[in-house]
Amino acid sequence: MCEIIALRPVFPKSDVLLCWYHILPLRKKTIFSFSMQRIDFEETAKDFLTDFEDFPAVSQYFKRYWERIGRTWADFGRCYNHGDSDTNNLVER
Protein backbone atom coordinates (compact mmCIF):
# COMPACT_ATOMS: atom_id res chain seq x y z
CA MET A 1 0.00 0.00 0.00
CA CYS A 2 2.95 2.32 0.60
CA GLU A 3 3.80 2.27 -3.11
CA ILE A 4 0.26 3.26 -4.05
CA ILE A 5 0.22 6.09 -1.51
CA ALA A 6 3.55 7.37 -2.85
CA LEU A 7 2.39 7.22 -6.49
CA ARG A 8 -0.95 9.01 -6.10
CA PRO A 9 0.41 12.57 -5.62
CA VAL A 10 2.87 12.19 -8.50
CA PHE A 11 0.45 10.48 -10.91
CA PRO A 12 -3.02 11.58 -9.71
CA LYS A 13 -4.82 10.60 -12.93
CA SER A 14 -3.22 7.15 -13.21
CA ASP A 15 -4.91 3.91 -12.23
CA VAL A 16 -2.93 1.45 -10.16
CA LEU A 17 -3.59 -2.27 -10.53
CA LEU A 18 -2.67 -4.79 -7.89
CA CYS A 19 -0.64 -7.77 -9.05
CA TRP A 20 -2.82 -10.87 -9.17
CA TYR A 21 0.03 -13.01 -7.93
CA HIS A 22 0.10 -11.10 -4.69
CA ILE A 23 -3.63 -11.25 -4.13
CA LEU A 24 -4.22 -14.89 -5.11
CA PRO A 25 -4.51 -15.89 -1.45
CA LEU A 26 -7.53 -13.57 -1.18
CA ARG A 27 -9.28 -15.42 -3.98
CA LYS A 28 -8.62 -18.77 -2.37
CA LYS A 29 -10.01 -17.62 0.98
CA THR A 30 -13.11 -15.78 -0.18
CA ILE A 31 -16.06 -16.03 -2.52
CA PHE A 32 -14.68 -13.36 -4.81
CA SER A 33 -13.71 -14.18 -8.36
CA PHE A 34 -11.30 -12.14 -10.41
CA SER A 35 -13.47 -12.50 -13.49
CA MET A 36 -16.37 -10.49 -12.10
CA GLN A 37 -17.98 -7.55 -13.75
CA ARG A 38 -18.55 -4.46 -11.60
CA ILE A 39 -22.19 -5.28 -10.83
CA ASP A 40 -21.26 -8.84 -9.83
CA PHE A 41 -18.54 -7.51 -7.58
CA GLU A 42 -20.90 -5.04 -5.91
CA GLU A 43 -23.56 -7.71 -5.34
CA THR A 44 -21.02 -10.20 -3.99
CA ALA A 45 -19.53 -7.57 -1.69
CA LYS A 46 -23.01 -6.77 -0.38
CA ASP A 47 -23.70 -10.47 0.23
CA PHE A 48 -20.30 -10.89 1.89
CA LEU A 49 -20.99 -8.00 4.27
CA THR A 50 -24.44 -9.38 5.06
CA ASP A 51 -23.01 -12.83 5.75
CA PHE A 52 -20.40 -11.35 8.09
CA GLU A 53 -22.50 -8.68 9.79
CA ASP A 54 -22.08 -10.54 13.10
CA PHE A 55 -18.32 -10.14 12.71
CA PRO A 56 -17.79 -6.38 12.61
CA ALA A 57 -13.99 -6.63 12.54
CA VAL A 58 -14.13 -8.73 9.36
CA SER A 59 -16.66 -6.41 7.74
CA GLN A 60 -14.68 -3.29 8.65
CA TYR A 61 -11.45 -4.83 7.39
CA PHE A 62 -13.04 -5.75 4.07
CA LYS A 63 -14.63 -2.33 3.63
CA ARG A 64 -11.48 -0.47 4.62
CA TYR A 65 -8.87 -2.45 2.71
CA TRP A 66 -10.54 -4.40 -0.10
CA GLU A 67 -13.98 -3.22 -1.15
CA ARG A 68 -13.00 0.37 -1.86
CA ILE A 69 -10.12 -0.73 -4.10
CA GLY A 70 -11.97 -3.55 -5.85
CA ARG A 71 -11.24 -2.07 -9.26
CA THR A 72 -7.52 -2.55 -8.61
CA TRP A 73 -7.78 -6.32 -8.15
CA ALA A 74 -11.05 -7.52 -9.69
CA ASP A 75 -11.32 -8.06 -13.42
CA PHE A 76 -13.72 -5.17 -14.05
CA GLY A 77 -10.92 -2.69 -13.29
CA ARG A 78 -8.44 -4.28 -15.66
CA CYS A 79 -9.24 -2.53 -18.93
CA TYR A 80 -5.64 -1.92 -19.95
CA ASN A 81 -3.28 -3.71 -22.29
CA HIS A 82 -0.07 -4.53 -20.43
CA GLY A 83 1.19 -7.10 -22.88
CA ASP A 84 1.62 -10.37 -21.05
CA SER A 85 1.69 -8.77 -17.61
CA ASP A 86 -1.03 -8.68 -14.98
CA THR A 87 0.56 -5.82 -13.10
CA ASN A 88 1.61 -2.29 -13.91
CA ASN A 89 4.55 -2.56 -11.53
CA LEU A 90 7.15 -3.56 -14.10
CA VAL A 91 9.78 -3.94 -11.39
CA GLU A 92 8.08 -7.25 -10.56
CA ARG A 93 8.44 -8.68 -14.06
PDB file of N, CA and C in Angstrom:
ATOM      1  N   MET A   1       0.813  -1.187   0.000  1.00  0.00           N
ATOM      2  CA  MET A   1       0.000   0.000   0.000  1.00  0.00           C
ATOM      3  C   MET A   1       0.861   1.257   0.000  1.00  0.00           C
ATOM      4  N   CYS A   2       2.058   1.164   0.552  1.00  0.00           N
ATOM      5  CA  CYS A   2       2.949   2.323   0.597  1.00  0.00           C
ATOM      6  C   CYS A   2       3.297   2.814  -0.810  1.00  0.00           C
ATOM      7  N   GLU A   3       3.495   1.874  -1.743  1.00  0.00           N
ATOM      8  CA  GLU A   3       3.804   2.271  -3.113  1.00  0.00           C
ATOM      9  C   GLU A   3       2.644   3.049  -3.726  1.00  0.00           C
ATOM     10  N   ILE A   4       1.440   2.595  -3.493  1.00  0.00           N
ATOM     11  CA  ILE A   4       0.262   3.261  -4.050  1.00  0.00           C
ATOM     12  C   ILE A   4       0.135   4.667  -3.462  1.00  0.00           C
ATOM     13  N   ILE A   5       0.312   4.786  -2.166  1.00  0.00           N
ATOM     14  CA  ILE A   5       0.217   6.089  -1.515  1.00  0.00           C
ATOM     15  C   ILE A   5       1.281   7.039  -2.061  1.00  0.00           C
ATOM     16  N   ALA A   6       2.469   6.533  -2.318  1.00  0.00           N
ATOM     17  CA  ALA A   6       3.550   7.366  -2.852  1.00  0.00           C
ATOM     18  C   ALA A   6       3.281   7.786  -4.304  1.00  0.00           C
ATOM     19  N   LEU A   7       2.637   6.924  -5.078  1.00  0.00           N
ATOM     20  CA  LEU A   7       2.389   7.223  -6.487  1.00  0.00           C
ATOM     21  C   LEU A   7       1.252   8.208  -6.719  1.00  0.00           C
ATOM     22  N   ARG A   8       0.249   8.190  -5.878  1.00  0.00           N
ATOM     23  CA  ARG A   8      -0.950   9.013  -6.102  1.00  0.00           C
ATOM     24  C   ARG A   8      -0.651  10.500  -6.279  1.00  0.00           C
ATOM     25  N   PRO A   9       0.159  11.137  -5.420  1.00  0.00           N
ATOM     26  CA  PRO A   9       0.411  12.573  -5.616  1.00  0.00           C
ATOM     27  C   PRO A   9       1.188  12.879  -6.905  1.00  0.00           C
ATOM     28  N   VAL A  10       2.036  11.972  -7.314  1.00  0.00           N
ATOM     29  CA  VAL A  10       2.869  12.189  -8.501  1.00  0.00           C
ATOM     30  C   VAL A  10       2.085  11.907  -9.783  1.00  0.00           C
ATOM     31  N   PHE A  11       1.247  10.882  -9.749  1.00  0.00           N
ATOM     32  CA  PHE A  11       0.451  10.481 -10.907  1.00  0.00           C
ATOM     33  C   PHE A  11      -1.032  10.433 -10.525  1.00  0.00           C
ATOM     34  N   PRO A  12      -1.648  11.579 -10.234  1.00  0.00           N
ATOM     35  CA  PRO A  12      -3.021  11.578  -9.707  1.00  0.00           C
ATOM     36  C   PRO A  12      -4.081  11.045 -10.672  1.00  0.00           C
ATOM     37  N   LYS A  13      -3.824  11.071 -11.962  1.00  0.00           N
ATOM     38  CA  LYS A  13      -4.821  10.599 -12.928  1.00  0.00           C
ATOM     39  C   LYS A  13      -4.584   9.159 -13.359  1.00  0.00           C
ATOM     40  N   SER A  14      -3.552   8.528 -12.837  1.00  0.00           N
ATOM     41  CA  SER A  14      -3.225   7.149 -13.212  1.00  0.00           C
ATOM     42  C   SER A  14      -3.981   6.153 -12.351  1.00  0.00           C
ATOM     43  N   ASP A  15      -4.313   5.025 -12.969  1.00  0.00           N
ATOM     44  CA  ASP A  15      -4.906   3.911 -12.234  1.00  0.00           C
ATOM     45  C   ASP A  15      -3.792   2.962 -11.827  1.00  0.00           C
ATOM     46  N   VAL A  16      -3.903   2.417 -10.655  1.00  0.00           N
ATOM     47  CA  VAL A  16      -2.934   1.448 -10.163  1.00  0.00           C
ATOM     48  C   VAL A  16      -3.644   0.108 -10.049  1.00  0.00           C
ATOM     49  N   LEU A  17      -3.032  -0.919 -10.606  1.00  0.00           N
ATOM     50  CA  LEU A  17      -3.593  -2.265 -10.529  1.00  0.00           C
ATOM     51  C   LEU A  17      -2.749  -3.102  -9.592  1.00  0.00           C
ATOM     52  N   LEU A  18      -3.405  -3.891  -8.771  1.00  0.00           N
ATOM     53  CA  LEU A  18      -2.672  -4.793  -7.894  1.00  0.00           C
ATOM     54  C   LEU A  18      -2.297  -6.054  -8.670  1.00  0.00           C
ATOM     55  N   CYS A  19      -1.140  -6.570  -8.390  1.00  0.00           N
ATOM     56  CA  CYS A  19      -0.640  -7.766  -9.050  1.00  0.00           C
ATOM     57  C   CYS A  19      -1.457  -8.976  -8.587  1.00  0.00           C
ATOM     58  N   TRP A  20      -1.997  -9.712  -9.531  1.00  0.00           N
ATOM     59  CA  TRP A  20      -2.816 -10.868  -9.170  1.00  0.00           C
ATOM     60  C   TRP A  20      -2.029 -11.899  -8.378  1.00  0.00           C
ATOM     61  N   TYR A  21      -0.786 -12.049  -8.676  1.00  0.00           N
ATOM     62  CA  TYR A  21       0.026 -13.015  -7.932  1.00  0.00           C
ATOM     63  C   TYR A  21      -0.004 -12.723  -6.438  1.00  0.00           C
ATOM     64  N   HIS A  22       0.052 -11.464  -6.093  1.00  0.00           N
ATOM     65  CA  HIS A  22       0.099 -11.096  -4.689  1.00  0.00           C
ATOM     66  C   HIS A  22      -1.256 -11.154  -3.994  1.00  0.00           C
ATOM     67  N   ILE A  23      -2.317 -11.179  -4.770  1.00  0.00           N
ATOM     68  CA  ILE A  23      -3.631 -11.246  -4.128  1.00  0.00           C
ATOM     69  C   ILE A  23      -4.318 -12.593  -4.341  1.00  0.00           C
ATOM     70  N   LEU A  24      -3.623 -13.556  -4.938  1.00  0.00           N
ATOM     71  CA  LEU A  24      -4.217 -14.893  -5.114  1.00  0.00           C
ATOM     72  C   LEU A  24      -4.705 -15.507  -3.810  1.00  0.00           C
ATOM     73  N   PRO A  25      -3.983 -15.331  -2.700  1.00  0.00           N
ATOM     74  CA  PRO A  25      -4.510 -15.894  -1.448  1.00  0.00           C
ATOM     75  C   PRO A  25      -5.896 -15.361  -1.094  1.00  0.00           C
ATOM     76  N   LEU A  26      -6.199 -14.124  -1.448  1.00  0.00           N
ATOM     77  CA  LEU A  26      -7.529 -13.568  -1.180  1.00  0.00           C
ATOM     78  C   LEU A  26      -8.590 -14.367  -1.925  1.00  0.00           C
ATOM     79  N   ARG A  27      -8.315 -14.676  -3.182  1.00  0.00           N
ATOM     80  CA  ARG A  27      -9.284 -15.419  -3.980  1.00  0.00           C
ATOM     81  C   ARG A  27      -9.532 -16.795  -3.395  1.00  0.00           C
ATOM     82  N   LYS A  28      -8.482 -17.425  -2.916  1.00  0.00           N
ATOM     83  CA  LYS A  28      -8.618 -18.766  -2.370  1.00  0.00           C
ATOM     84  C   LYS A  28      -9.385 -18.784  -1.054  1.00  0.00           C
ATOM     85  N   LYS A  29      -9.386 -17.670  -0.337  1.00  0.00           N
ATOM     86  CA  LYS A  29     -10.010 -17.620   0.985  1.00  0.00           C
ATOM     87  C   LYS A  29     -11.400 -17.015   0.973  1.00  0.00           C
ATOM     88  N   THR A  30     -11.816 -16.455  -0.153  1.00  0.00           N
ATOM     89  CA  THR A  30     -13.111 -15.777  -0.184  1.00  0.00           C
ATOM     90  C   THR A  30     -13.954 -16.267  -1.346  1.00  0.00           C
ATOM     91  N   ILE A  31     -15.130 -15.686  -1.452  1.00  0.00           N
ATOM     92  CA  ILE A  31     -16.058 -16.032  -2.520  1.00  0.00           C
ATOM     93  C   ILE A  31     -15.847 -15.166  -3.754  1.00  0.00           C
ATOM     94  N   PHE A  32     -14.874 -14.284  -3.711  1.00  0.00           N
ATOM     95  CA  PHE A  32     -14.675 -13.356  -4.812  1.00  0.00           C
ATOM     96  C   PHE A  32     -13.925 -14.002  -5.962  1.00  0.00           C
ATOM     97  N   SER A  33     -14.351 -13.683  -7.149  1.00  0.00           N
ATOM     98  CA  SER A  33     -13.712 -14.176  -8.358  1.00  0.00           C
ATOM     99  C   SER A  33     -13.092 -12.994  -9.087  1.00  0.00           C
ATOM    100  N   PHE A  34     -11.946 -13.215  -9.672  1.00  0.00           N
ATOM    101  CA  PHE A  34     -11.297 -12.138 -10.408  1.00  0.00           C
ATOM    102  C   PHE A  34     -12.027 -11.805 -11.700  1.00  0.00           C
ATOM    103  N   SER A  35     -12.833 -12.704 -12.195  1.00  0.00           N
ATOM    104  CA  SER A  35     -13.468 -12.498 -13.489  1.00  0.00           C
ATOM    105  C   SER A  35     -14.809 -11.770 -13.397  1.00  0.00           C
ATOM    106  N   MET A  36     -15.092 -11.176 -12.287  1.00  0.00           N
ATOM    107  CA  MET A  36     -16.367 -10.494 -12.097  1.00  0.00           C
ATOM    108  C   MET A  36     -16.462  -9.188 -12.874  1.00  0.00           C
ATOM    109  N   GLN A  37     -17.680  -8.876 -13.250  1.00  0.00           N
ATOM    110  CA  GLN A  37     -17.978  -7.549 -13.754  1.00  0.00           C
ATOM    111  C   GLN A  37     -18.296  -6.672 -12.548  1.00  0.00           C
ATOM    112  N   ARG A  38     -18.330  -5.376 -12.731  1.00  0.00           N
ATOM    113  CA  ARG A  38     -18.546  -4.459 -11.604  1.00  0.00           C
ATOM    114  C   ARG A  38     -19.827  -4.787 -10.828  1.00  0.00           C
ATOM    115  N   ILE A  39     -20.925  -5.008 -11.522  1.00  0.00           N
ATOM    116  CA  ILE A  39     -22.193  -5.281 -10.834  1.00  0.00           C
ATOM    117  C   ILE A  39     -22.109  -6.569 -10.025  1.00  0.00           C
ATOM    118  N   ASP A  40     -21.438  -7.586 -10.566  1.00  0.00           N
ATOM    119  CA  ASP A  40     -21.265  -8.840  -9.832  1.00  0.00           C
ATOM    120  C   ASP A  40     -20.429  -8.617  -8.579  1.00  0.00           C
ATOM    121  N   PHE A  41     -19.385  -7.815  -8.716  1.00  0.00           N
ATOM    122  CA  PHE A  41     -18.538  -7.512  -7.576  1.00  0.00           C
ATOM    123  C   PHE A  41     -19.341  -6.801  -6.490  1.00  0.00           C
ATOM    124  N   GLU A  42     -20.113  -5.802  -6.878  1.00  0.00           N
ATOM    125  CA  GLU A  42     -20.904  -5.043  -5.910  1.00  0.00           C
ATOM    126  C   GLU A  42     -21.921  -5.932  -5.203  1.00  0.00           C
ATOM    127  N   GLU A  43     -22.578  -6.804  -5.942  1.00  0.00           N
ATOM    128  CA  GLU A  43     -23.562  -7.714  -5.341  1.00  0.00           C
ATOM    129  C   GLU A  43     -22.883  -8.716  -4.405  1.00  0.00           C
ATOM    130  N   THR A  44     -21.738  -9.240  -4.821  1.00  0.00           N
ATOM    131  CA  THR A  44     -21.023 -10.201  -3.986  1.00  0.00           C
ATOM    132  C   THR A  44     -20.487  -9.534  -2.730  1.00  0.00           C
ATOM    133  N   ALA A  45     -20.007  -8.313  -2.862  1.00  0.00           N
ATOM    134  CA  ALA A  45     -19.525  -7.570  -1.695  1.00  0.00           C
ATOM    135  C   ALA A  45     -20.677  -7.330  -0.709  1.00  0.00           C
ATOM    136  N   LYS A  46     -21.832  -6.980  -1.231  1.00  0.00           N
ATOM    137  CA  LYS A  46     -23.008  -6.771  -0.380  1.00  0.00           C
ATOM    138  C   LYS A  46     -23.386  -8.064   0.351  1.00  0.00           C
ATOM    139  N   ASP A  47     -23.396  -9.170  -0.385  1.00  0.00           N
ATOM    140  CA  ASP A  47     -23.703 -10.472   0.225  1.00  0.00           C
ATOM    141  C   ASP A  47     -22.660 -10.845   1.270  1.00  0.00           C
ATOM    142  N   PHE A  48     -21.396 -10.608   0.960  1.00  0.00           N
ATOM    143  CA  PHE A  48     -20.303 -10.895   1.887  1.00  0.00           C
ATOM    144  C   PHE A  48     -20.501 -10.118   3.192  1.00  0.00           C
ATOM    145  N   LEU A  49     -20.800  -8.828   3.067  1.00  0.00           N
ATOM    146  CA  LEU A  49     -20.992  -8.003   4.266  1.00  0.00           C
ATOM    147  C   LEU A  49     -22.222  -8.434   5.056  1.00  0.00           C
ATOM    148  N   THR A  50     -23.260  -8.867   4.367  1.00  0.00           N
ATOM    149  CA  THR A  50     -24.443  -9.380   5.060  1.00  0.00           C
ATOM    150  C   THR A  50     -24.117 -10.672   5.802  1.00  0.00           C
ATOM    151  N   ASP A  51     -23.388 -11.563   5.136  1.00  0.00           N
ATOM    152  CA  ASP A  51     -23.011 -12.835   5.754  1.00  0.00           C
ATOM    153  C   ASP A  51     -22.131 -12.640   6.992  1.00  0.00           C
ATOM    154  N   PHE A  52     -21.337 -11.577   6.986  1.00  0.00           N
ATOM    155  CA  PHE A  52     -20.400 -11.350   8.085  1.00  0.00           C
ATOM    156  C   PHE A  52     -20.793 -10.186   8.987  1.00  0.00           C
ATOM    157  N   GLU A  53     -22.075  -9.813   8.971  1.00  0.00           N
ATOM    158  CA  GLU A  53     -22.500  -8.678   9.791  1.00  0.00           C
ATOM    159  C   GLU A  53     -22.344  -8.949  11.293  1.00  0.00           C
ATOM    160  N   ASP A  54     -22.305 -10.206  11.693  1.00  0.00           N
ATOM    161  CA  ASP A  54     -22.084 -10.543  13.097  1.00  0.00           C
ATOM    162  C   ASP A  54     -20.605 -10.512  13.471  1.00  0.00           C
ATOM    163  N   PHE A  55     -19.773 -10.222  12.501  1.00  0.00           N
ATOM    164  CA  PHE A  55     -18.323 -10.141  12.713  1.00  0.00           C
ATOM    165  C   PHE A  55     -17.842  -8.770  12.246  1.00  0.00           C
ATOM    166  N   PRO A  56     -18.088  -7.746  13.044  1.00  0.00           N
ATOM    167  CA  PRO A  56     -17.791  -6.381  12.608  1.00  0.00           C
ATOM    168  C   PRO A  56     -16.329  -6.148  12.238  1.00  0.00           C
ATOM    169  N   ALA A  57     -15.411  -6.831  12.881  1.00  0.00           N
ATOM    170  CA  ALA A  57     -13.995  -6.635  12.542  1.00  0.00           C
ATOM    171  C   ALA A  57     -13.712  -7.096  11.114  1.00  0.00           C
ATOM    172  N   VAL A  58     -14.316  -8.228  10.717  1.00  0.00           N
ATOM    173  CA  VAL A  58     -14.130  -8.729   9.357  1.00  0.00           C
ATOM    174  C   VAL A  58     -14.759  -7.772   8.355  1.00  0.00           C
ATOM    175  N   SER A  59     -15.969  -7.329   8.641  1.00  0.00           N
ATOM    176  CA  SER A  59     -16.661  -6.407   7.743  1.00  0.00           C
ATOM    177  C   SER A  59     -15.901  -5.093   7.595  1.00  0.00           C
ATOM    178  N   GLN A  60     -15.435  -4.553   8.706  1.00  0.00           N
ATOM    179  CA  GLN A  60     -14.684  -3.294   8.651  1.00  0.00           C
ATOM    180  C   GLN A  60     -13.380  -3.460   7.883  1.00  0.00           C
ATOM    181  N   TYR A  61     -12.699  -4.567   8.106  1.00  0.00           N
ATOM    182  CA  TYR A  61     -11.450  -4.831   7.394  1.00  0.00           C
ATOM    183  C   TYR A  61     -11.701  -4.898   5.892  1.00  0.00           C
ATOM    184  N   PHE A  62     -12.722  -5.641   5.490  1.00  0.00           N
ATOM    185  CA  PHE A  62     -13.038  -5.754   4.070  1.00  0.00           C
ATOM    186  C   PHE A  62     -13.376  -4.395   3.473  1.00  0.00           C
ATOM    187  N   LYS A  63     -14.239  -3.639   4.146  1.00  0.00           N
ATOM    188  CA  LYS A  63     -14.630  -2.331   3.626  1.00  0.00           C
ATOM    189  C   LYS A  63     -13.441  -1.376   3.543  1.00  0.00           C
ATOM    190  N   ARG A  64     -12.601  -1.413   4.556  1.00  0.00           N
ATOM    191  CA  ARG A  64     -11.479  -0.467   4.617  1.00  0.00           C
ATOM    192  C   ARG A  64     -10.364  -0.807   3.626  1.00  0.00           C
ATOM    193  N   TYR A  65     -10.043  -2.087   3.490  1.00  0.00           N
ATOM    194  CA  TYR A  65      -8.873  -2.453   2.715  1.00  0.00           C
ATOM    195  C   TYR A  65      -9.147  -3.098   1.358  1.00  0.00           C
ATOM    196  N   TRP A  66     -10.323  -3.664   1.138  1.00  0.00           N
ATOM    197  CA  TRP A  66     -10.540  -4.405  -0.103  1.00  0.00           C
ATOM    198  C   TRP A  66     -11.688  -3.889  -0.949  1.00  0.00           C
ATOM    199  N   GLU A  67     -12.825  -3.613  -0.348  1.00  0.00           N
ATOM    200  CA  GLU A  67     -13.978  -3.218  -1.153  1.00  0.00           C
ATOM    201  C   GLU A  67     -13.718  -1.914  -1.903  1.00  0.00           C
ATOM    202  N   ARG A  68     -13.181  -0.947  -1.237  1.00  0.00           N
ATOM    203  CA  ARG A  68     -13.003   0.367  -1.864  1.00  0.00           C
ATOM    204  C   ARG A  68     -11.956   0.374  -2.969  1.00  0.00           C
ATOM    205  N   ILE A  69     -11.110  -0.651  -3.032  1.00  0.00           N
ATOM    206  CA  ILE A  69     -10.120  -0.726  -4.102  1.00  0.00           C
ATOM    207  C   ILE A  69     -10.385  -1.927  -5.013  1.00  0.00           C
ATOM    208  N   GLY A  70     -11.623  -2.378  -5.047  1.00  0.00           N
ATOM    209  CA  GLY A  70     -11.972  -3.547  -5.852  1.00  0.00           C
ATOM    210  C   GLY A  70     -11.554  -3.427  -7.303  1.00  0.00           C
ATOM    211  N   ARG A  71     -11.618  -2.234  -7.858  1.00  0.00           N
ATOM    212  CA  ARG A  71     -11.243  -2.065  -9.262  1.00  0.00           C
ATOM    213  C   ARG A  71      -9.756  -2.298  -9.499  1.00  0.00           C
ATOM    214  N   THR A  72      -8.952  -2.317  -8.431  1.00  0.00           N
ATOM    215  CA  THR A  72      -7.519  -2.551  -8.612  1.00  0.00           C
ATOM    216  C   THR A  72      -7.179  -4.032  -8.639  1.00  0.00           C
ATOM    217  N   TRP A  73      -8.090  -4.897  -8.187  1.00  0.00           N
ATOM    218  CA  TRP A  73      -7.779  -6.317  -8.150  1.00  0.00           C
ATOM    219  C   TRP A  73      -8.819  -7.203  -8.817  1.00  0.00           C
ATOM    220  N   ALA A  74     -10.032  -6.722  -8.988  1.00  0.00           N
ATOM    221  CA  ALA A  74     -11.051  -7.515  -9.688  1.00  0.00           C
ATOM    222  C   ALA A  74     -10.964  -7.229 -11.189  1.00  0.00           C
ATOM    223  N   ASP A  75     -11.468  -8.137 -11.974  1.00  0.00           N
ATOM    224  CA  ASP A  75     -11.321  -8.057 -13.421  1.00  0.00           C
ATOM    225  C   ASP A  75     -11.961  -6.807 -14.014  1.00  0.00           C
ATOM    226  N   PHE A  76     -13.037  -6.311 -13.437  1.00  0.00           N
ATOM    227  CA  PHE A  76     -13.717  -5.173 -14.047  1.00  0.00           C
ATOM    228  C   PHE A  76     -12.839  -3.916 -14.092  1.00  0.00           C
ATOM    229  N   GLY A  77     -11.813  -3.850 -13.273  1.00  0.00           N
ATOM    230  CA  GLY A  77     -10.920  -2.692 -13.287  1.00  0.00           C
ATOM    231  C   GLY A  77      -9.737  -2.841 -14.211  1.00  0.00           C
ATOM    232  N   ARG A  78      -9.609  -3.997 -14.815  1.00  0.00           N
ATOM    233  CA  ARG A  78      -8.437  -4.276 -15.663  1.00  0.00           C
ATOM    234  C   ARG A  78      -8.791  -4.077 -17.131  1.00  0.00           C
ATOM    235  N   CYS A  79      -8.869  -2.837 -17.551  1.00  0.00           N
ATOM    236  CA  CYS A  79      -9.237  -2.530 -18.930  1.00  0.00           C
ATOM    237  C   CYS A  79      -8.045  -1.950 -19.692  1.00  0.00           C
ATOM    238  N   TYR A  80      -6.862  -2.435 -19.355  1.00  0.00           N
ATOM    239  CA  TYR A  80      -5.638  -1.923 -19.953  1.00  0.00           C
ATOM    240  C   TYR A  80      -4.858  -3.055 -20.594  1.00  0.00           C
ATOM    241  N   ASN A  81      -4.130  -2.730 -21.636  1.00  0.00           N
ATOM    242  CA  ASN A  81      -3.282  -3.711 -22.285  1.00  0.00           C
ATOM    243  C   ASN A  81      -1.865  -3.550 -21.747  1.00  0.00           C
ATOM    244  N   HIS A  82      -1.424  -4.525 -20.990  1.00  0.00           N
ATOM    245  CA  HIS A  82      -0.073  -4.527 -20.426  1.00  0.00           C
ATOM    246  C   HIS A  82       0.764  -5.633 -21.047  1.00  0.00           C
ATOM    247  N   GLY A  83       0.461  -5.994 -22.259  1.00  0.00           N
ATOM    248  CA  GLY A  83       1.186  -7.101 -22.880  1.00  0.00           C
ATOM    249  C   GLY A  83       0.846  -8.396 -22.166  1.00  0.00           C
ATOM    250  N   ASP A  84       1.846  -9.119 -21.755  1.00  0.00           N
ATOM    251  CA  ASP A  84       1.623 -10.374 -21.054  1.00  0.00           C
ATOM    252  C   ASP A  84       1.744 -10.223 -19.545  1.00  0.00           C
ATOM    253  N   SER A  85       1.511  -9.032 -19.038  1.00  0.00           N
ATOM    254  CA  SER A  85       1.694  -8.765 -17.614  1.00  0.00           C
ATOM    255  C   SER A  85       0.361  -8.469 -16.952  1.00  0.00           C
ATOM    256  N   ASP A  86       0.176  -8.975 -15.742  1.00  0.00           N
ATOM    257  CA  ASP A  86      -1.033  -8.679 -14.976  1.00  0.00           C
ATOM    258  C   ASP A  86      -0.756  -7.677 -13.873  1.00  0.00           C
ATOM    259  N   THR A  87       0.238  -6.865 -14.058  1.00  0.00           N
ATOM    260  CA  THR A  87       0.561  -5.819 -13.102  1.00  0.00           C
ATOM    261  C   THR A  87       1.087  -4.622 -13.864  1.00  0.00           C
ATOM    262  N   ASN A  88       0.975  -3.442 -13.284  1.00  0.00           N
ATOM    263  CA  ASN A  88       1.609  -2.289 -13.908  1.00  0.00           C
ATOM    264  C   ASN A  88       2.860  -1.889 -13.130  1.00  0.00           C
ATOM    265  N   ASN A  89       3.299  -2.763 -12.246  1.00  0.00           N
ATOM    266  CA  ASN A  89       4.547  -2.563 -11.527  1.00  0.00           C
ATOM    267  C   ASN A  89       5.612  -3.394 -12.246  1.00  0.00           C
ATOM    268  N   LEU A  90       6.229  -2.812 -13.245  1.00  0.00           N
ATOM    269  CA  LEU A  90       7.153  -3.555 -14.098  1.00  0.00           C
ATOM    270  C   LEU A  90       8.406  -4.015 -13.367  1.00  0.00           C
ATOM    271  N   VAL A  91       8.656  -3.483 -12.188  1.00  0.00           N
ATOM    272  CA  VAL A  91       9.782  -3.942 -11.388  1.00  0.00           C
ATOM    273  C   VAL A  91       9.600  -5.420 -11.044  1.00  0.00           C
ATOM    274  N   GLU A  92       8.358  -5.869 -10.947  1.00  0.00           N
ATOM    275  CA  GLU A  92       8.080  -7.247 -10.557  1.00  0.00           C
ATOM    276  C   GLU A  92       8.184  -8.234 -11.714  1.00  0.00           C
ATOM    277  N   ARG A  93       8.384  -7.778 -12.904  1.00  0.00           N
ATOM    278  CA  ARG A  93       8.440  -8.680 -14.064  1.00  0.00           C
ATOM    279  C   ARG A  93       9.690  -9.483 -14.099  1.00  0.00           C
TER     280      ARG A  93
END
